[in-house]
Amino acid sequence: MKSKLNQILQIRFLLLTVLLITTNCASSQSSKKKDQKKPNIIYILADDLGIGDVSLYNEKSKIQTPNLDKMGKEGMKFTDVHTSSSVCTPTRYGILTGRYNWRTPLKEFVTWGNSPSLIKKERLTVAQLLKDNGYKTASIGKWHLGLNWSMKNDSPEFDHFSNKSERLNFKNIDYSKPLKFGPNDMGFDYSYMIAASLNMPPFVYIENNKATMIPTKITERSRKKYPFSSWIKGDVADDFKHEEVLPNVVNKSISFIKENANKEKPFFMYIPLPSPHNPVLPIAPWKGQSEIGSPYADFVIMIDDLMGTIFKTLKEQGIEDNTLVVFTSDNGYATTNDLKTLKKEKHSPSYIYSGYKGSFLEGGHRVPFLVKWPGKIKPNSVSDATLCTTDFIATCADIINYDFKDNEAEDSYSMLPLLTNKGTFLRDATIHHDKYGVFAIRKGDWKLIVSPNSGIAASGKTKIHKDISSKEILYNLKTDVKERNNVAADYPEKVKELKDLLIKQIKEGRSTSGKVQENDPIVDPWPQADFAFEK
């Protein structure tokens, strides 16, 4: 009897032990799974928003942006972030690929609404990277990276890199057919885009690589109705109203968040806003709300308020704590956007910096950059590290523990060490590009602009800077933040050091460590880079 009782007790003990082990393992696995949960990632890109237009950056700002200010205070404010170019398309290419745009055939300026895709089929994008690693991905807003349109009657596809006269030719586009190559072929599960800037035709919405409506009319701008609005004459669809594009982008973004919140898959959203790029189109209730009576200021206030609705949606959906949000701009402020009124009211959209959109000066490419990630980023953090917008894809790769191949993200450095205060941020130098294709390189306090005349000459433009006749321009940003004193003659060793580094990074096809890569083939001569290939 005792023997049988002992056996029963032993069996019970073993069952209890197994149960405890199983429970602990399950708990451990659950905890591990919770700890390893990937964050949702949202990248919001304003269009032509100056660093001084966000009041968190500008203590004398006449435009208040409380929602963006709150985002910065709840996360990290970066003070020294630069777009890879001072105009739209090149910066967007760098954000999505982690590669400088001038490694492509685009050596200056931007693509157009009917330009072919600047991103090639074999090029890794941040969307494809995240999709391959379990993310649901979306691109909602302004594309402006070229699209491969379907053509009528076997007409040849556009090739603006060799034939620029075709920029406003839309007659052979077949809007009834899907794009031959677009956002959905680059890793985006969902896309809702306009082809280029809000002032560039064709004026159609493109949802999942197909126009939502076939254009039936030709639109022309109306300066009488919108004093600071201008757009190029071109095809327009019945469902396209210029003043409704920004609200539509935000509404589509909110819908995507609600549909994908708290799902098994995390999501990545790229939200390139169409504003405050010209045409400046504030609508009620924001129209006329700014203190300085500027439509541009109204437009910025409208953007800030709509960003607040996105942040509010994240909180209401219960995913705020597991979502990394980035807010920045594609370049500096554009002077076409009511600069006269802003100057009169003593509002500086470039803050303390010289230059505006298109310039190699700081105001052309130094941008607001705010990052919020509760639990990972300490509130009220400020970083003075020098970053480039190409660094986004490497940061995402670091978050998901992905190692790049040699031909991926050649100019991207992870900023995760800065966000989490763990590890070392590796970027040593940053290359800037202006709208004419002029090169500049920044390292520490020093900034060198090389052969500025070559870029101006290539574009047939007149002089735009007092030092433009110099072969090299050297500024010490620590002592001369407004870039007024060219000290190249005083520091020839520094000029040589920076120029040699620039040449090296141009020729090697990368600025990160790794195997040397080829830049894309050059269609036309590249006078802006002659200094790198001199014999």
Protein backbone atom coordinates (compact mmCIF):
# COMPACT_ATOMS: atom_id res chain seq x y z
CA MET A 1 0.00 0.00 0.00
CA LYS A 2 2.82 2.40 0.92
CA SER A 3 4.66 1.49 -2.27
CA LYS A 4 1.61 2.31 -4.37
CA LEU A 5 1.13 5.61 -2.48
CA ASN A 6 4.78 6.54 -3.04
CA GLN A 7 4.37 5.86 -6.75
CA ILE A 8 1.34 8.13 -6.91
CA LEU A 9 3.20 10.89 -5.04
CA GLN A 10 6.21 10.54 -7.33
CA ILE A 11 3.99 10.77 -10.43
CA ARG A 12 2.28 13.85 -9.03
CA PHE A 13 5.65 15.41 -8.25
CA LEU A 14 6.90 14.73 -11.77
CA LEU A 15 3.72 16.16 -13.30
CA LEU A 16 4.02 19.27 -11.12
CA THR A 17 7.67 19.67 -12.09
CA VAL A 18 6.85 19.35 -15.80
CA LEU A 19 4.01 21.84 -15.40
CA LEU A 20 6.27 24.35 -13.66
CA ILE A 21 8.98 23.97 -16.29
CA THR A 22 6.44 24.32 -19.11
CA THR A 23 4.89 27.38 -17.49
CA ASN A 24 8.27 29.01 -16.93
CA CYS A 25 9.33 28.26 -20.52
CA ALA A 26 6.09 29.68 -21.87
CA SER A 27 6.47 32.73 -19.67
CA SER A 28 10.07 33.11 -20.79
CA GLN A 29 9.10 32.73 -24.44
CA SER A 30 6.25 35.22 -24.02
CA SER A 31 8.57 37.68 -22.29
CA LYS A 32 11.21 37.15 -24.94
CA LYS A 33 8.64 37.65 -27.69
CA LYS A 34 7.44 40.83 -26.02
CA ASP A 35 10.99 42.12 -25.65
CA GLN A 36 11.76 41.35 -29.28
CA LYS A 37 8.61 42.95 -30.72
CA LYS A 38 9.58 45.14 -33.62
CA PRO A 39 8.45 48.77 -33.45
CA ASN A 40 6.13 50.38 -35.95
CA ILE A 41 8.08 52.98 -37.92
CA ILE A 42 6.70 56.20 -39.40
CA TYR A 43 8.80 58.62 -41.46
CA ILE A 44 7.11 61.97 -42.16
CA LEU A 45 8.80 64.20 -44.72
CA ALA A 46 7.64 67.81 -45.13
CA ASP A 47 8.29 69.55 -48.44
CA ASP A 48 10.30 72.81 -48.41
CA LEU A 49 9.85 73.41 -44.66
CA GLY A 50 12.65 75.57 -43.26
CA ILE A 51 14.38 74.72 -40.00
CA GLY A 52 13.24 78.09 -38.64
CA ASP A 53 9.59 77.31 -39.41
CA VAL A 54 9.40 74.84 -36.49
CA SER A 55 9.15 76.97 -33.36
CA LEU A 56 11.09 74.43 -31.27
CA TYR A 57 14.14 75.42 -33.33
CA ASN A 58 13.53 79.15 -33.56
CA GLU A 59 13.12 81.15 -30.38
CA LYS A 60 12.06 84.17 -32.49
CA SER A 61 9.65 82.27 -34.73
CA LYS A 62 6.48 84.07 -35.77
CA ILE A 63 4.94 80.70 -36.66
CA GLN A 64 3.99 78.42 -33.76
CA THR A 65 4.04 74.62 -34.19
CA PRO A 66 2.87 73.21 -30.83
CA ASN A 67 2.37 69.61 -32.01
CA LEU A 68 5.81 69.31 -33.53
CA ASP A 69 7.31 71.09 -30.53
CA LYS A 70 5.61 68.55 -28.24
CA MET A 71 6.93 65.68 -30.35
CA GLY A 72 10.47 67.03 -30.02
CA LYS A 73 10.16 67.48 -26.27
CA GLU A 74 8.84 63.95 -25.84
CA GLY A 75 11.72 62.58 -27.88
CA MET A 76 14.95 63.81 -29.40
CA LYS A 77 15.66 67.06 -31.22
CA PHE A 78 18.60 66.97 -33.63
CA THR A 79 20.28 70.30 -34.36
CA ASP A 80 22.72 69.38 -37.14
CA VAL A 81 20.87 67.19 -39.65
CA HIS A 82 21.27 67.65 -43.39
CA THR A 83 19.48 66.47 -46.48
CA SER A 84 21.77 64.91 -49.07
CA SER A 85 20.68 67.61 -51.50
CA SER A 86 19.02 71.01 -51.24
CA VAL A 87 16.18 70.01 -53.58
CA CYS A 88 13.37 67.43 -53.57
CA THR A 89 14.09 64.35 -55.68
CA PRO A 90 17.71 63.73 -54.63
CA THR A 91 16.83 63.80 -50.94
CA ARG A 92 13.96 61.35 -51.41
CA TYR A 93 16.24 58.96 -53.27
CA GLY A 94 18.73 59.08 -50.39
CA ILE A 95 16.08 58.47 -47.72
CA LEU A 96 14.69 55.37 -49.40
CA THR A 97 17.99 53.87 -50.61
CA GLY A 98 20.68 55.17 -48.25
CA ARG A 99 22.71 56.23 -51.30
CA TYR A 100 23.71 59.68 -52.54
CA ASN A 101 21.64 60.72 -55.56
CA TRP A 102 24.59 61.89 -57.66
CA ARG A 103 25.68 58.26 -57.95
CA THR A 104 22.66 57.96 -60.30
CA PRO A 105 22.23 59.70 -63.70
CA LEU A 106 20.56 62.62 -61.85
CA LYS A 107 23.46 65.06 -61.42
CA GLU A 108 21.41 68.19 -60.84
CA PHE A 109 17.85 69.43 -60.22
CA VAL A 110 14.89 67.02 -59.99
CA THR A 111 12.71 64.54 -61.85
CA TRP A 112 9.37 65.53 -63.40
CA GLY A 113 5.88 64.08 -63.32
CA ASN A 114 6.54 61.88 -66.32
CA SER A 115 10.20 61.07 -65.58
CA PRO A 116 11.31 57.43 -65.47
CA SER A 117 12.04 55.89 -62.08
CA LEU A 118 15.28 57.03 -60.54
CA ILE A 119 15.27 53.95 -58.27
CA LYS A 120 16.26 50.91 -60.31
CA LYS A 121 14.80 47.42 -59.92
CA GLU A 122 17.89 45.91 -58.31
CA ARG A 123 18.28 48.71 -55.71
CA LEU A 124 17.32 47.86 -52.10
CA THR A 125 14.89 50.31 -50.52
CA VAL A 126 13.99 50.72 -46.87
CA ALA A 127 10.47 49.52 -47.74
CA GLN A 128 11.75 46.29 -49.29
CA LEU A 129 14.12 45.77 -46.37
CA LEU A 130 11.33 46.06 -43.82
CA LYS A 131 8.81 44.10 -45.89
CA ASP A 132 11.28 41.22 -46.18
CA ASN A 133 11.59 41.29 -42.40
CA GLY A 134 7.92 41.05 -41.48
CA TYR A 135 6.60 44.60 -41.89
CA LYS A 136 3.44 45.83 -43.63
CA THR A 137 4.61 48.83 -45.66
CA ALA A 138 2.94 51.92 -47.09
CA SER A 139 3.88 55.07 -49.02
CA ILE A 140 1.31 57.86 -48.83
CA GLY A 141 1.95 61.32 -50.26
CA LYS A 142 4.26 62.94 -52.80
CA TRP A 143 6.51 60.54 -54.73
CA HIS A 144 8.73 62.70 -56.99
CA LEU A 145 11.22 59.94 -57.79
CA GLY A 146 10.06 59.15 -61.29
CA LEU A 147 7.56 56.52 -62.41
CA ASN A 148 7.59 54.17 -65.38
CA TRP A 149 4.26 54.99 -66.97
CA SER A 150 2.51 52.66 -69.40
CA MET A 151 2.47 54.20 -72.86
CA LYS A 152 -0.09 54.26 -75.68
CA ASN A 153 0.45 52.55 -79.03
CA ASP A 154 3.87 51.19 -78.10
CA SER A 155 5.25 54.72 -77.74
CA PRO A 156 8.77 54.83 -76.28
CA GLU A 157 9.08 55.41 -72.55
CA PHE A 158 10.42 58.72 -71.30
CA ASP A 159 14.14 59.24 -70.80
CA HIS A 160 14.77 62.69 -69.37
CA PHE A 161 18.39 62.04 -68.69
CA SER A 162 19.08 62.32 -72.41
CA ASN A 163 15.99 64.15 -73.69
CA LYS A 164 14.85 66.98 -71.43
CA SER A 165 12.45 68.41 -74.01
CA GLU A 166 9.89 65.71 -73.10
CA ARG A 167 9.27 66.94 -69.56
CA LEU A 168 5.79 68.28 -70.30
CA ASN A 169 4.70 65.67 -72.80
CA PHE A 170 1.77 63.65 -71.44
CA LYS A 171 -0.13 62.80 -74.61
CA ASN A 172 1.19 59.23 -74.87
CA ILE A 173 0.68 58.20 -71.22
CA ASP A 174 -1.92 55.46 -70.87
CA TYR A 175 -3.53 56.27 -67.51
CA SER A 176 -5.89 53.30 -67.82
CA LYS A 177 -3.04 50.84 -67.30
CA PRO A 178 -0.91 50.22 -64.19
CA LEU A 179 2.58 51.66 -63.94
CA LYS A 180 5.25 49.43 -65.38
CA PHE A 181 7.37 50.17 -62.31
CA GLY A 182 6.28 52.13 -59.26
CA PRO A 183 6.21 52.19 -55.44
CA ASN A 184 4.51 48.79 -55.16
CA ASP A 185 7.45 47.26 -57.04
CA MET A 186 9.91 48.75 -54.54
CA GLY A 187 8.64 47.09 -51.38
CA PHE A 188 5.50 49.07 -50.58
CA ASP A 189 2.44 46.88 -49.93
CA TYR A 190 0.21 49.92 -50.28
CA SER A 191 0.78 53.23 -52.05
CA TYR A 192 -1.30 56.34 -52.54
CA MET A 193 0.73 59.02 -54.26
CA ILE A 194 0.91 62.04 -56.49
CA ALA A 195 3.58 61.72 -59.17
CA ALA A 196 5.74 64.72 -58.27
CA SER A 197 5.43 68.12 -56.58
CA LEU A 198 1.98 69.64 -56.25
CA ASN A 199 2.87 72.15 -58.97
CA MET A 200 3.91 69.47 -61.51
CA PRO A 201 1.50 67.58 -63.79
CA PRO A 202 0.04 65.10 -64.31
CA PHE A 203 -2.42 65.89 -61.53
CA VAL A 204 -3.76 62.44 -60.67
CA TYR A 205 -3.80 60.22 -57.62
CA ILE A 206 -1.97 56.94 -58.10
CA GLU A 207 -3.17 54.16 -55.80
CA ASN A 208 -1.28 50.86 -55.86
CA ASN A 209 0.49 51.74 -59.12
CA LYS A 210 -2.63 52.84 -61.01
CA ALA A 211 -4.33 56.21 -61.53
CA THR A 212 -7.56 56.42 -59.55
CA MET A 213 -9.15 58.37 -62.40
CA ILE A 214 -8.19 59.09 -66.01
CA PRO A 215 -7.54 62.81 -66.64
CA THR A 216 -10.17 64.47 -68.79
CA LYS A 217 -9.13 68.12 -68.55
CA ILE A 218 -6.19 70.49 -68.63
CA THR A 219 -5.72 72.64 -65.56
CA GLU A 220 -4.24 76.10 -65.27
CA ARG A 221 -3.19 77.95 -62.16
CA SER A 222 -5.35 80.61 -60.54
CA ARG A 223 -3.29 83.34 -58.89
CA LYS A 224 -6.39 85.43 -58.25
CA LYS A 225 -7.84 82.77 -55.94
CA TYR A 226 -4.49 81.71 -54.45
CA PRO A 227 -1.91 84.57 -54.53
CA PHE A 228 1.07 82.31 -53.74
CA SER A 229 -0.05 79.36 -55.79
CA SER A 230 1.29 78.34 -59.15
CA TRP A 231 1.30 75.12 -61.03
CA ILE A 232 2.28 74.03 -64.48
CA LYS A 233 -0.43 73.58 -67.08
CA GLY A 234 -1.18 69.89 -67.57
CA ASP A 235 -3.47 66.86 -67.29
CA VAL A 236 -5.85 66.79 -64.32
CA ALA A 237 -8.38 64.18 -63.18
CA ASP A 238 -11.85 65.02 -61.87
CA ASP A 239 -11.03 63.70 -58.37
CA PHE A 240 -7.93 65.91 -58.04
CA LYS A 241 -8.25 69.25 -56.25
CA HIS A 242 -4.96 70.90 -55.30
CA GLU A 243 -6.19 72.25 -51.98
CA GLU A 244 -7.47 68.83 -50.92
CA VAL A 245 -4.24 66.89 -51.46
CA LEU A 246 -2.67 67.50 -48.04
CA PRO A 247 -5.85 66.56 -46.08
CA ASN A 248 -6.28 63.48 -48.30
CA VAL A 249 -2.73 62.35 -47.55
CA VAL A 250 -3.26 62.74 -43.80
CA ASN A 251 -6.66 60.98 -43.90
CA LYS A 252 -5.23 58.05 -45.86
CA SER A 253 -2.36 57.85 -43.36
CA ILE A 254 -4.73 57.77 -40.40
CA SER A 255 -6.82 55.06 -42.07
CA PHE A 256 -3.72 52.93 -42.63
CA ILE A 257 -2.70 53.33 -38.98
CA LYS A 258 -6.14 52.27 -37.74
CA GLU A 259 -6.28 49.29 -40.10
CA ASN A 260 -2.86 48.02 -39.08
CA ALA A 261 -2.59 48.94 -35.40
CA ASN A 262 -2.08 46.05 -32.99
CA LYS A 263 -1.80 43.49 -35.77
CA GLU A 264 0.69 40.63 -35.69
CA LYS A 265 2.83 42.44 -38.25
CA PRO A 266 4.38 45.80 -37.37
CA PHE A 267 4.01 48.49 -40.01
CA PHE A 268 6.25 51.01 -41.77
CA MET A 269 4.78 54.19 -43.21
CA TYR A 270 6.61 56.66 -45.43
CA ILE A 271 4.54 59.87 -45.49
CA PRO A 272 6.10 62.44 -47.84
CA LEU A 273 3.82 65.46 -47.45
CA PRO A 274 3.12 67.65 -50.51
CA SER A 275 3.46 70.82 -48.43
CA PRO A 276 4.37 73.56 -47.65
CA HIS A 277 5.80 73.41 -51.19
CA ASN A 278 4.18 75.78 -53.66
CA PRO A 279 1.22 76.00 -54.34
CA VAL A 280 0.55 77.41 -50.88
CA LEU A 281 -3.02 76.29 -50.16
CA PRO A 282 -4.22 76.70 -46.57
CA ILE A 283 -7.93 75.95 -46.24
CA ALA A 284 -10.52 76.54 -43.52
CA PRO A 285 -10.21 76.48 -40.55
CA TRP A 286 -6.49 77.29 -40.91
CA LYS A 287 -6.71 79.97 -43.58
CA GLY A 288 -6.06 83.39 -42.03
CA GLN A 289 -5.06 81.99 -38.64
CA SER A 290 -1.40 83.03 -38.50
CA GLU A 291 -0.37 86.06 -36.49
CA ILE A 292 1.63 87.54 -39.36
CA GLY A 293 -1.06 87.33 -42.06
CA SER A 294 0.93 85.08 -44.36
CA PRO A 295 -0.65 82.23 -46.37
CA TYR A 296 2.61 80.34 -45.96
CA ALA A 297 2.43 80.68 -42.16
CA ASP A 298 -1.19 79.47 -42.30
CA PHE A 299 -0.04 76.47 -44.33
CA VAL A 300 2.65 75.56 -41.79
CA ILE A 301 0.10 75.82 -38.97
CA MET A 302 -2.19 73.54 -40.96
CA ILE A 303 0.61 70.98 -41.32
CA ASP A 304 1.37 71.10 -37.61
CA ASP A 305 -2.29 70.63 -36.71
CA LEU A 306 -2.67 67.68 -39.08
CA MET A 307 0.49 66.11 -37.64
CA GLY A 308 -1.20 66.42 -34.27
CA THR A 309 -4.08 64.28 -35.54
CA ILE A 310 -1.63 61.56 -36.57
CA PHE A 311 0.04 61.61 -33.14
CA LYS A 312 -3.37 61.52 -31.48
CA THR A 313 -4.37 58.50 -33.58
CA LEU A 314 -1.29 56.57 -32.47
CA LYS A 315 -2.20 57.23 -28.86
CA GLU A 316 -5.87 56.32 -29.30
CA GLN A 317 -4.91 53.06 -31.01
CA GLY A 318 -2.67 52.16 -28.07
CA ILE A 319 0.49 51.87 -30.19
CA GLU A 320 2.26 55.12 -29.31
CA ASP A 321 4.75 53.37 -27.02
CA ASN A 322 5.84 50.92 -29.71
CA THR A 323 6.09 53.35 -32.60
CA LEU A 324 9.18 55.21 -33.77
CA VAL A 325 8.23 58.47 -35.50
CA VAL A 326 10.59 60.69 -37.50
CA PHE A 327 9.67 64.16 -38.73
CA THR A 328 11.89 66.16 -41.05
CA SER A 329 11.95 68.15 -44.32
CA ASP A 330 13.39 67.38 -47.75
CA ASN A 331 15.38 70.64 -47.93
CA GLY A 332 15.28 74.22 -46.74
CA TYR A 333 12.64 76.92 -47.24
CA ALA A 334 11.75 77.91 -50.83
CA THR A 335 11.91 81.65 -51.50
CA THR A 336 8.80 81.49 -53.74
CA ASN A 337 6.66 80.98 -50.64
CA ASP A 338 5.88 84.55 -49.51
CA LEU A 339 9.41 85.48 -48.41
CA LYS A 340 8.57 89.20 -48.62
CA THR A 341 5.93 88.96 -45.87
CA LEU A 342 8.10 86.72 -43.69
CA LYS A 343 10.99 89.20 -43.86
CA LYS A 344 8.67 92.10 -43.14
CA GLU A 345 7.37 90.31 -40.04
CA LYS A 346 10.92 89.33 -39.03
CA HIS A 347 10.38 85.59 -39.35
CA SER A 348 13.47 83.74 -40.55
CA PRO A 349 12.59 80.36 -42.13
CA SER A 350 16.29 79.46 -42.28
CA TYR A 351 16.73 80.52 -38.62
CA ILE A 352 20.34 81.75 -38.11
CA TYR A 353 21.67 80.17 -41.30
CA SER A 354 22.33 81.68 -44.72
CA GLY A 355 20.71 80.44 -47.90
CA TYR A 356 17.47 78.74 -48.87
CA LYS A 357 16.29 75.75 -50.89
CA GLY A 358 18.69 74.93 -53.73
CA SER A 359 21.76 76.41 -52.07
CA PHE A 360 24.96 74.75 -50.83
CA LEU A 361 24.73 77.14 -47.87
CA GLU A 362 23.36 75.73 -44.60
CA GLY A 363 19.85 77.10 -45.06
CA GLY A 364 19.50 74.99 -48.18
CA HIS A 365 19.98 71.61 -46.52
CA ARG A 366 20.04 71.92 -42.72
CA VAL A 367 16.58 70.79 -41.65
CA PRO A 368 14.44 70.13 -38.56
CA PHE A 369 14.76 66.51 -37.46
CA LEU A 370 12.65 65.17 -34.60
CA VAL A 371 12.49 61.56 -33.44
CA LYS A 372 10.09 60.12 -30.88
CA TRP A 373 10.27 56.54 -29.56
CA PRO A 374 8.85 56.16 -26.02
CA GLY A 375 10.89 53.92 -23.77
CA LYS A 376 13.88 54.04 -26.09
CA ILE A 377 14.54 57.76 -26.41
CA LYS A 378 14.80 59.87 -23.29
CA PRO A 379 12.35 62.81 -23.36
CA ASN A 380 13.82 66.28 -23.93
CA SER A 381 16.93 64.81 -25.50
CA VAL A 382 19.05 66.95 -27.80
CA SER A 383 21.74 65.71 -30.17
CA ASP A 384 24.28 67.95 -31.90
CA ALA A 385 25.72 65.08 -33.96
CA THR A 386 25.98 65.71 -37.71
CA LEU A 387 23.55 63.42 -39.56
CA CYS A 388 22.39 62.98 -43.13
CA THR A 389 18.91 61.91 -44.19
CA THR A 390 20.52 58.95 -45.98
CA ASP A 391 21.04 57.48 -42.49
CA PHE A 392 17.46 56.29 -42.12
CA ILE A 393 17.75 52.90 -43.84
CA ALA A 394 20.83 51.92 -41.82
CA THR A 395 18.95 52.80 -38.65
CA CYS A 396 16.07 50.51 -39.65
CA ALA A 397 18.53 47.76 -40.52
CA ASP A 398 20.13 48.15 -37.09
CA ILE A 399 16.74 47.89 -35.38
CA ILE A 400 15.94 44.57 -37.11
CA ASN A 401 19.56 43.27 -36.99
CA TYR A 402 20.09 43.18 -40.75
CA ASP A 403 23.58 43.30 -42.25
CA PHE A 404 23.89 45.11 -45.57
CA LYS A 405 25.48 43.60 -48.64
CA ASP A 406 28.25 45.62 -50.26
CA ASN A 407 25.90 47.08 -52.88
CA GLU A 408 23.27 48.26 -50.40
CA ALA A 409 22.91 51.58 -48.52
CA GLU A 410 26.41 52.71 -49.46
CA ASP A 411 26.05 56.13 -47.78
CA SER A 412 23.95 55.30 -44.71
CA TYR A 413 25.05 55.18 -41.06
CA SER A 414 22.83 53.95 -38.25
CA MET A 415 21.74 56.65 -35.83
CA LEU A 416 20.43 54.06 -33.38
CA PRO A 417 23.41 54.65 -31.03
CA LEU A 418 22.33 58.30 -30.77
CA LEU A 419 18.69 57.42 -30.15
CA THR A 420 19.36 54.83 -27.45
CA ASN A 421 22.61 56.28 -26.10
CA LYS A 422 24.26 52.88 -26.65
CA GLY A 423 27.19 52.34 -29.00
CA THR A 424 29.01 54.71 -31.34
CA PHE A 425 27.65 56.75 -34.22
CA LEU A 426 30.11 56.20 -37.08
CA ARG A 427 29.44 59.00 -39.58
CA ASP A 428 32.65 61.00 -40.02
CA ALA A 429 31.84 63.25 -42.99
CA THR A 430 28.78 64.26 -45.00
CA ILE A 431 28.54 65.25 -48.65
CA HIS A 432 26.10 67.98 -49.67
CA HIS A 433 24.79 68.70 -53.18
CA ASP A 434 23.10 71.86 -54.38
CA LYS A 435 20.48 72.19 -57.13
CA TYR A 436 23.11 72.84 -59.79
CA GLY A 437 25.10 69.76 -58.78
CA VAL A 438 27.83 71.63 -56.89
CA PHE A 439 29.60 69.49 -54.28
CA ALA A 440 30.33 70.33 -50.65
CA ILE A 441 31.74 68.15 -47.88
CA ARG A 442 31.38 68.65 -44.15
CA LYS A 443 33.63 67.18 -41.48
CA GLY A 444 33.52 68.46 -37.93
CA ASP A 445 33.38 72.26 -37.93
CA TRP A 446 34.75 72.50 -41.46
CA LYS A 447 32.81 72.70 -44.71
CA LEU A 448 34.39 72.77 -48.15
CA ILE A 449 32.57 73.70 -51.37
CA VAL A 450 34.49 72.50 -54.43
CA SER A 451 34.51 73.95 -57.96
CA PRO A 452 31.27 75.92 -57.58
CA ASN A 453 31.69 77.52 -61.01
CA SER A 454 31.48 74.13 -62.73
CA GLY A 455 27.94 73.53 -61.54
CA ILE A 456 26.75 77.03 -62.40
CA ALA A 457 28.37 76.83 -65.82
CA ALA A 458 26.83 73.43 -66.51
CA SER A 459 23.38 74.83 -65.91
CA GLY A 460 23.94 78.13 -67.72
CA LYS A 461 23.19 80.09 -64.54
CA THR A 462 24.62 83.37 -63.31
CA LYS A 463 26.61 83.85 -60.13
CA ILE A 464 24.60 83.30 -56.96
CA HIS A 465 27.20 83.79 -54.23
CA LYS A 466 29.95 86.31 -53.57
CA ASP A 467 32.58 83.55 -53.35
CA ILE A 468 31.37 81.68 -56.43
CA SER A 469 34.43 82.65 -58.49
CA SER A 470 36.66 80.75 -56.07
CA LYS A 471 37.70 77.25 -57.01
CA GLU A 472 37.26 76.18 -53.40
CA ILE A 473 35.32 77.77 -50.56
CA LEU A 474 36.13 76.80 -46.97
CA TYR A 475 34.04 77.77 -43.97
CA ASN A 476 34.54 77.12 -40.28
CA LEU A 477 30.97 76.74 -39.08
CA LYS A 478 31.96 77.01 -35.44
CA THR A 479 33.18 80.59 -35.86
CA ASP A 480 31.26 81.52 -39.00
CA VAL A 481 27.84 79.86 -38.96
CA LYS A 482 26.49 82.36 -41.49
CA GLU A 483 29.22 81.35 -43.98
CA ARG A 484 30.50 84.82 -44.76
CA ASN A 485 34.25 84.31 -44.70
CA ASN A 486 36.03 82.05 -47.16
CA VAL A 487 39.20 80.94 -45.34
CA ALA A 488 40.47 78.50 -47.99
CA ALA A 489 43.63 80.54 -48.55
CA ASP A 490 44.42 80.43 -44.82
CA TYR A 491 44.02 76.66 -44.41
CA PRO A 492 45.38 74.93 -47.53
CA GLU A 493 46.00 71.69 -45.58
CA LYS A 494 42.35 71.53 -44.52
CA VAL A 495 41.24 72.19 -48.11
CA LYS A 496 43.41 69.34 -49.35
CA GLU A 497 42.23 66.95 -46.61
CA LEU A 498 38.54 67.53 -47.32
CA LYS A 499 38.92 67.60 -51.10
CA ASP A 500 40.87 64.31 -51.06
CA LEU A 501 38.19 62.72 -48.89
CA LEU A 502 35.45 63.98 -51.22
CA ILE A 503 37.25 62.59 -54.27
CA LYS A 504 37.76 59.26 -52.53
CA GLN A 505 34.08 58.91 -51.63
CA ILE A 506 32.97 59.91 -55.13
CA LYS A 507 35.30 57.46 -56.87
CA GLU A 508 34.75 54.51 -54.53
CA GLY A 509 30.98 54.51 -54.97
CA ARG A 510 30.42 54.60 -51.22
CA SER A 511 31.19 56.58 -48.06
CA THR A 512 30.65 53.66 -45.66
CA SER A 513 33.16 50.87 -45.21
CA GLY A 514 32.93 47.98 -47.64
CA LYS A 515 33.85 46.83 -51.11
CA VAL A 516 34.28 49.56 -53.73
CA GLN A 517 31.14 50.05 -55.85
CA GLU A 518 30.52 51.50 -59.28
CA ASN A 519 28.47 54.68 -59.63
CA ASP A 520 25.72 54.46 -62.24
CA PRO A 521 26.81 55.08 -65.85
CA ILE A 522 26.99 58.75 -66.85
CA VAL A 523 24.74 59.74 -69.74
CA ASP A 524 26.15 63.26 -70.20
CA PRO A 525 29.44 64.90 -69.18
CA TRP A 526 29.72 65.55 -65.45
CA PRO A 527 31.47 68.95 -65.19
CA GLN A 528 30.56 69.41 -61.52
CA ALA A 529 32.84 66.47 -60.66
CA ASP A 530 35.71 67.29 -63.02
CA PHE A 531 37.94 67.94 -60.01
CA ALA A 532 37.62 64.27 -59.01
CA PHE A 533 38.79 62.94 -62.35
CA GLU A 534 41.59 65.35 -63.23
CA LYS A 535 44.73 63.63 -64.54
